[in-house]
Amino acid sequence: MQNEKLPVLTGLIVEESITLTLNELSCACSVHAERILDLVEEGILDPVDRNLGRWRFSGASLNRARTALRLQQDLGINLAGAALVLDMMDELEYLRAQLRQRGTGS
């Protein structure tokens, strides 16, 4: 594979119902598709549609992929460690939501 520069896409996907192709996700993360496939193999990302090899990813996958890649780049965490951190972040958000609900709903 040559050292080619990938386009850098900027912006924020607000709509979580939007889906991205493998190519769109890799471009949005400024990585080659192989890096996204590594994230799928590690269980960090889960394609919403795997039909005919045309994987599609949810809008939330973009944030999850970027976070995992940042963990690797900035902190030197391997993919298994990044998966664990992301799972812990998800659990923390769930618990915070439960606390907010109890604080306003009880």
N, C-alpha and C. Protein backbone atom coordinates (compact mmCIF):
# COMPACT_ATOMS: atom_id res chain seq x y z
N MET A 1 0.84 -1.17 0.00
CA MET A 1 0.00 0.00 0.00
C MET A 1 0.89 1.24 0.00
N GLN A 2 0.59 2.18 -0.82
CA GLN A 2 1.39 3.38 -0.93
C GLN A 2 1.06 4.35 0.19
N ASN A 3 1.98 5.28 0.42
CA ASN A 3 1.75 6.33 1.41
C ASN A 3 0.94 7.45 0.78
N GLU A 4 -0.32 7.21 0.61
CA GLU A 4 -1.18 8.22 0.01
C GLU A 4 -1.94 8.93 1.12
N LYS A 5 -2.19 10.20 0.91
CA LYS A 5 -2.92 10.98 1.90
C LYS A 5 -4.42 10.80 1.67
N LEU A 6 -5.11 10.57 2.76
CA LEU A 6 -6.55 10.44 2.70
C LEU A 6 -7.17 11.80 3.00
N PRO A 7 -8.30 12.11 2.38
CA PRO A 7 -8.95 13.38 2.68
C PRO A 7 -9.44 13.40 4.12
N VAL A 8 -9.35 14.55 4.75
CA VAL A 8 -9.82 14.71 6.12
C VAL A 8 -11.18 15.38 6.07
N LEU A 9 -12.16 14.68 6.61
CA LEU A 9 -13.50 15.22 6.68
C LEU A 9 -13.73 15.79 8.06
N THR A 10 -14.37 16.92 8.12
CA THR A 10 -14.67 17.52 9.42
C THR A 10 -16.16 17.72 9.53
N GLY A 11 -16.61 17.88 10.73
CA GLY A 11 -18.03 18.09 10.97
C GLY A 11 -18.51 17.14 12.04
N LEU A 12 -19.78 17.20 12.34
CA LEU A 12 -20.35 16.38 13.40
C LEU A 12 -21.63 15.74 12.88
N ILE A 13 -21.74 14.45 13.06
CA ILE A 13 -22.97 13.77 12.69
C ILE A 13 -23.88 13.82 13.90
N VAL A 14 -24.93 14.56 13.76
CA VAL A 14 -25.88 14.70 14.86
C VAL A 14 -26.93 13.60 14.77
N GLU A 15 -27.33 13.28 13.58
CA GLU A 15 -28.37 12.28 13.35
C GLU A 15 -27.78 10.89 13.48
N GLU A 16 -28.16 10.17 14.53
CA GLU A 16 -27.61 8.84 14.74
C GLU A 16 -28.23 7.80 13.84
N SER A 17 -29.34 8.14 13.17
CA SER A 17 -29.97 7.17 12.29
C SER A 17 -29.28 7.13 10.92
N ILE A 18 -28.36 8.04 10.68
CA ILE A 18 -27.63 8.05 9.42
C ILE A 18 -26.68 6.85 9.41
N THR A 19 -26.43 6.32 8.23
CA THR A 19 -25.46 5.23 8.13
C THR A 19 -24.34 5.63 7.19
N LEU A 20 -23.18 5.08 7.45
CA LEU A 20 -21.98 5.34 6.67
C LEU A 20 -21.46 4.04 6.08
N THR A 21 -20.94 4.11 4.88
CA THR A 21 -20.29 2.93 4.29
C THR A 21 -18.93 2.77 4.95
N LEU A 22 -18.30 1.64 4.71
CA LEU A 22 -16.95 1.41 5.21
C LEU A 22 -16.01 2.50 4.71
N ASN A 23 -16.12 2.83 3.43
CA ASN A 23 -15.25 3.86 2.85
C ASN A 23 -15.52 5.22 3.48
N GLU A 24 -16.79 5.58 3.67
CA GLU A 24 -17.12 6.87 4.27
C GLU A 24 -16.60 6.96 5.70
N LEU A 25 -16.75 5.87 6.44
CA LEU A 25 -16.28 5.86 7.82
C LEU A 25 -14.76 5.97 7.88
N SER A 26 -14.07 5.23 7.03
CA SER A 26 -12.61 5.30 7.04
C SER A 26 -12.13 6.69 6.63
N CYS A 27 -12.78 7.31 5.67
CA CYS A 27 -12.42 8.67 5.26
C CYS A 27 -12.68 9.66 6.39
N ALA A 28 -13.82 9.52 7.07
CA ALA A 28 -14.16 10.42 8.16
C ALA A 28 -13.18 10.30 9.33
N CYS A 29 -12.58 9.12 9.47
CA CYS A 29 -11.60 8.88 10.54
C CYS A 29 -10.17 9.10 10.06
N SER A 30 -10.01 9.40 8.78
CA SER A 30 -8.69 9.61 8.17
C SER A 30 -7.78 8.40 8.32
N VAL A 31 -8.36 7.21 8.13
CA VAL A 31 -7.58 5.97 8.18
C VAL A 31 -7.99 5.10 6.99
N HIS A 32 -7.17 4.13 6.70
CA HIS A 32 -7.51 3.17 5.65
C HIS A 32 -8.59 2.22 6.17
N ALA A 33 -9.34 1.65 5.26
CA ALA A 33 -10.43 0.75 5.62
C ALA A 33 -9.96 -0.42 6.48
N GLU A 34 -8.72 -0.83 6.31
CA GLU A 34 -8.18 -1.94 7.10
C GLU A 34 -8.21 -1.63 8.60
N ARG A 35 -7.99 -0.37 8.95
CA ARG A 35 -8.04 0.02 10.37
C ARG A 35 -9.46 -0.12 10.91
N ILE A 36 -10.45 0.23 10.10
CA ILE A 36 -11.84 0.07 10.52
C ILE A 36 -12.17 -1.41 10.67
N LEU A 37 -11.67 -2.23 9.75
CA LEU A 37 -11.89 -3.67 9.86
C LEU A 37 -11.28 -4.23 11.14
N ASP A 38 -10.12 -3.69 11.54
CA ASP A 38 -9.51 -4.10 12.81
C ASP A 38 -10.42 -3.76 13.98
N LEU A 39 -11.07 -2.60 13.92
CA LEU A 39 -11.99 -2.20 14.99
C LEU A 39 -13.21 -3.13 15.04
N VAL A 40 -13.66 -3.58 13.88
CA VAL A 40 -14.78 -4.52 13.83
C VAL A 40 -14.35 -5.87 14.40
N GLU A 41 -13.18 -6.33 14.01
CA GLU A 41 -12.68 -7.63 14.51
C GLU A 41 -12.52 -7.62 16.02
N GLU A 42 -12.15 -6.48 16.58
CA GLU A 42 -11.94 -6.38 18.03
C GLU A 42 -13.26 -6.20 18.78
N GLY A 43 -14.35 -5.97 18.04
CA GLY A 43 -15.64 -5.79 18.68
C GLY A 43 -15.93 -4.35 19.07
N ILE A 44 -15.08 -3.43 18.65
CA ILE A 44 -15.28 -2.01 18.96
C ILE A 44 -16.42 -1.44 18.13
N LEU A 45 -16.50 -1.86 16.89
CA LEU A 45 -17.56 -1.42 15.99
C LEU A 45 -18.37 -2.63 15.55
N ASP A 46 -19.65 -2.39 15.33
CA ASP A 46 -20.53 -3.45 14.86
C ASP A 46 -21.33 -2.90 13.69
N PRO A 47 -21.05 -3.36 12.49
CA PRO A 47 -21.81 -2.86 11.33
C PRO A 47 -23.30 -3.13 11.51
N VAL A 48 -24.12 -2.16 11.11
CA VAL A 48 -25.57 -2.34 11.22
C VAL A 48 -26.10 -3.17 10.06
N ASP A 49 -25.35 -3.25 8.99
CA ASP A 49 -25.78 -4.02 7.82
C ASP A 49 -24.55 -4.68 7.21
N ARG A 50 -24.55 -5.99 7.15
CA ARG A 50 -23.40 -6.73 6.61
C ARG A 50 -23.74 -7.39 5.28
N ASN A 51 -24.83 -6.99 4.65
CA ASN A 51 -25.28 -7.61 3.41
C ASN A 51 -24.29 -7.44 2.27
N LEU A 52 -24.02 -8.55 1.61
CA LEU A 52 -23.21 -8.57 0.39
C LEU A 52 -21.87 -7.85 0.51
N GLY A 53 -21.31 -7.87 1.71
CA GLY A 53 -20.01 -7.24 1.90
C GLY A 53 -20.07 -5.72 1.86
N ARG A 54 -21.24 -5.15 1.85
CA ARG A 54 -21.39 -3.69 1.83
C ARG A 54 -21.78 -3.23 3.23
N TRP A 55 -20.82 -3.23 4.09
CA TRP A 55 -21.09 -2.88 5.47
C TRP A 55 -21.52 -1.43 5.59
N ARG A 56 -22.43 -1.20 6.51
CA ARG A 56 -22.86 0.16 6.85
C ARG A 56 -22.74 0.30 8.37
N PHE A 57 -22.40 1.50 8.78
CA PHE A 57 -22.17 1.77 10.19
C PHE A 57 -23.07 2.91 10.64
N SER A 58 -23.50 2.87 11.88
CA SER A 58 -24.34 3.93 12.42
C SER A 58 -23.51 5.19 12.63
N GLY A 59 -24.20 6.31 12.78
CA GLY A 59 -23.52 7.57 13.05
C GLY A 59 -22.73 7.50 14.35
N ALA A 60 -23.22 6.75 15.33
CA ALA A 60 -22.51 6.59 16.60
C ALA A 60 -21.18 5.87 16.41
N SER A 61 -21.07 5.07 15.37
CA SER A 61 -19.82 4.35 15.09
C SER A 61 -18.68 5.32 14.79
N LEU A 62 -19.01 6.45 14.20
CA LEU A 62 -17.97 7.44 13.90
C LEU A 62 -17.32 7.93 15.18
N ASN A 63 -18.12 8.31 16.17
CA ASN A 63 -17.56 8.78 17.44
C ASN A 63 -16.79 7.66 18.14
N ARG A 64 -17.32 6.47 18.09
CA ARG A 64 -16.67 5.33 18.75
C ARG A 64 -15.32 5.01 18.08
N ALA A 65 -15.31 5.03 16.75
CA ALA A 65 -14.07 4.75 16.02
C ALA A 65 -13.03 5.84 16.30
N ARG A 66 -13.46 7.09 16.25
CA ARG A 66 -12.52 8.19 16.51
C ARG A 66 -11.94 8.11 17.91
N THR A 67 -12.77 7.77 18.88
CA THR A 67 -12.29 7.64 20.25
C THR A 67 -11.28 6.51 20.37
N ALA A 68 -11.58 5.36 19.79
CA ALA A 68 -10.66 4.23 19.84
C ALA A 68 -9.34 4.57 19.17
N LEU A 69 -9.39 5.23 18.03
CA LEU A 69 -8.17 5.59 17.32
C LEU A 69 -7.37 6.63 18.11
N ARG A 70 -8.06 7.55 18.78
CA ARG A 70 -7.37 8.54 19.61
C ARG A 70 -6.70 7.88 20.81
N LEU A 71 -7.37 6.91 21.40
CA LEU A 71 -6.79 6.18 22.53
C LEU A 71 -5.49 5.49 22.10
N GLN A 72 -5.53 4.91 20.91
CA GLN A 72 -4.33 4.26 20.39
C GLN A 72 -3.22 5.27 20.14
N GLN A 73 -3.56 6.33 19.45
CA GLN A 73 -2.56 7.31 19.04
C GLN A 73 -2.01 8.11 20.22
N ASP A 74 -2.90 8.62 21.06
CA ASP A 74 -2.47 9.52 22.13
C ASP A 74 -1.91 8.80 23.34
N LEU A 75 -2.47 7.65 23.66
CA LEU A 75 -2.07 6.95 24.88
C LEU A 75 -1.34 5.64 24.64
N GLY A 76 -1.26 5.23 23.38
CA GLY A 76 -0.56 3.99 23.06
C GLY A 76 -1.30 2.75 23.50
N ILE A 77 -2.61 2.85 23.65
CA ILE A 77 -3.42 1.71 24.08
C ILE A 77 -3.68 0.80 22.88
N ASN A 78 -3.55 -0.51 23.08
CA ASN A 78 -3.84 -1.43 21.98
C ASN A 78 -5.36 -1.55 21.79
N LEU A 79 -5.78 -2.25 20.74
CA LEU A 79 -7.20 -2.33 20.42
C LEU A 79 -8.02 -3.00 21.53
N ALA A 80 -7.47 -4.02 22.15
CA ALA A 80 -8.19 -4.68 23.24
C ALA A 80 -8.39 -3.71 24.40
N GLY A 81 -7.38 -2.93 24.70
CA GLY A 81 -7.49 -1.93 25.76
C GLY A 81 -8.48 -0.84 25.39
N ALA A 82 -8.46 -0.41 24.13
CA ALA A 82 -9.41 0.60 23.67
C ALA A 82 -10.84 0.08 23.78
N ALA A 83 -11.04 -1.19 23.44
CA ALA A 83 -12.38 -1.78 23.55
C ALA A 83 -12.85 -1.76 25.00
N LEU A 84 -11.95 -2.09 25.91
CA LEU A 84 -12.29 -2.08 27.34
C LEU A 84 -12.63 -0.67 27.81
N VAL A 85 -11.83 0.31 27.43
CA VAL A 85 -12.09 1.70 27.81
C VAL A 85 -13.44 2.15 27.27
N LEU A 86 -13.73 1.85 26.02
CA LEU A 86 -15.00 2.24 25.43
C LEU A 86 -16.19 1.59 26.14
N ASP A 87 -16.04 0.32 26.50
CA ASP A 87 -17.11 -0.36 27.24
C ASP A 87 -17.32 0.30 28.60
N MET A 88 -16.23 0.68 29.25
CA MET A 88 -16.33 1.35 30.55
C MET A 88 -16.96 2.73 30.40
N MET A 89 -16.65 3.44 29.34
CA MET A 89 -17.26 4.74 29.08
C MET A 89 -18.76 4.59 28.84
N ASP A 90 -19.15 3.55 28.11
CA ASP A 90 -20.57 3.29 27.86
C ASP A 90 -21.30 2.99 29.18
N GLU A 91 -20.67 2.18 30.02
CA GLU A 91 -21.26 1.83 31.31
C GLU A 91 -21.40 3.07 32.19
N LEU A 92 -20.38 3.92 32.19
CA LEU A 92 -20.42 5.15 32.97
C LEU A 92 -21.56 6.04 32.50
N GLU A 93 -21.74 6.17 31.20
CA GLU A 93 -22.83 6.98 30.66
C GLU A 93 -24.19 6.39 31.04
N TYR A 94 -24.30 5.09 30.99
CA TYR A 94 -25.54 4.42 31.40
C TYR A 94 -25.85 4.72 32.87
N LEU A 95 -24.85 4.60 33.72
CA LEU A 95 -25.05 4.84 35.15
C LEU A 95 -25.41 6.30 35.42
N ARG A 96 -24.77 7.20 34.70
CA ARG A 96 -25.11 8.63 34.85
C ARG A 96 -26.55 8.89 34.43
N ALA A 97 -26.98 8.26 33.36
CA ALA A 97 -28.36 8.42 32.91
C ALA A 97 -29.33 7.88 33.96
N GLN A 98 -28.98 6.75 34.58
CA GLN A 98 -29.82 6.19 35.64
C GLN A 98 -29.92 7.15 36.82
N LEU A 99 -28.79 7.76 37.20
CA LEU A 99 -28.81 8.72 38.30
C LEU A 99 -29.64 9.95 37.96
N ARG A 100 -29.52 10.44 36.74
CA ARG A 100 -30.32 11.59 36.33
C ARG A 100 -31.81 11.24 36.39
N GLN A 101 -32.15 10.04 35.93
CA GLN A 101 -33.54 9.61 35.91
C GLN A 101 -34.09 9.50 37.34
N ARG A 102 -33.30 8.97 38.23
CA ARG A 102 -33.74 8.83 39.63
C ARG A 102 -33.86 10.18 40.31
N GLY A 103 -32.99 11.10 39.91
CA GLY A 103 -33.03 12.42 40.53
C GLY A 103 -34.24 13.23 40.11
N THR A 104 -34.78 12.96 38.94
CA THR A 104 -35.93 13.73 38.46
C THR A 104 -37.21 12.94 38.45
N GLY A 105 -37.13 11.62 38.50
CA GLY A 105 -38.34 10.81 38.33
C GLY A 105 -38.92 10.25 39.61
N SER A 106 -38.17 10.19 40.69
CA SER A 106 -38.67 9.54 41.91
C SER A 106 -39.44 10.44 42.74
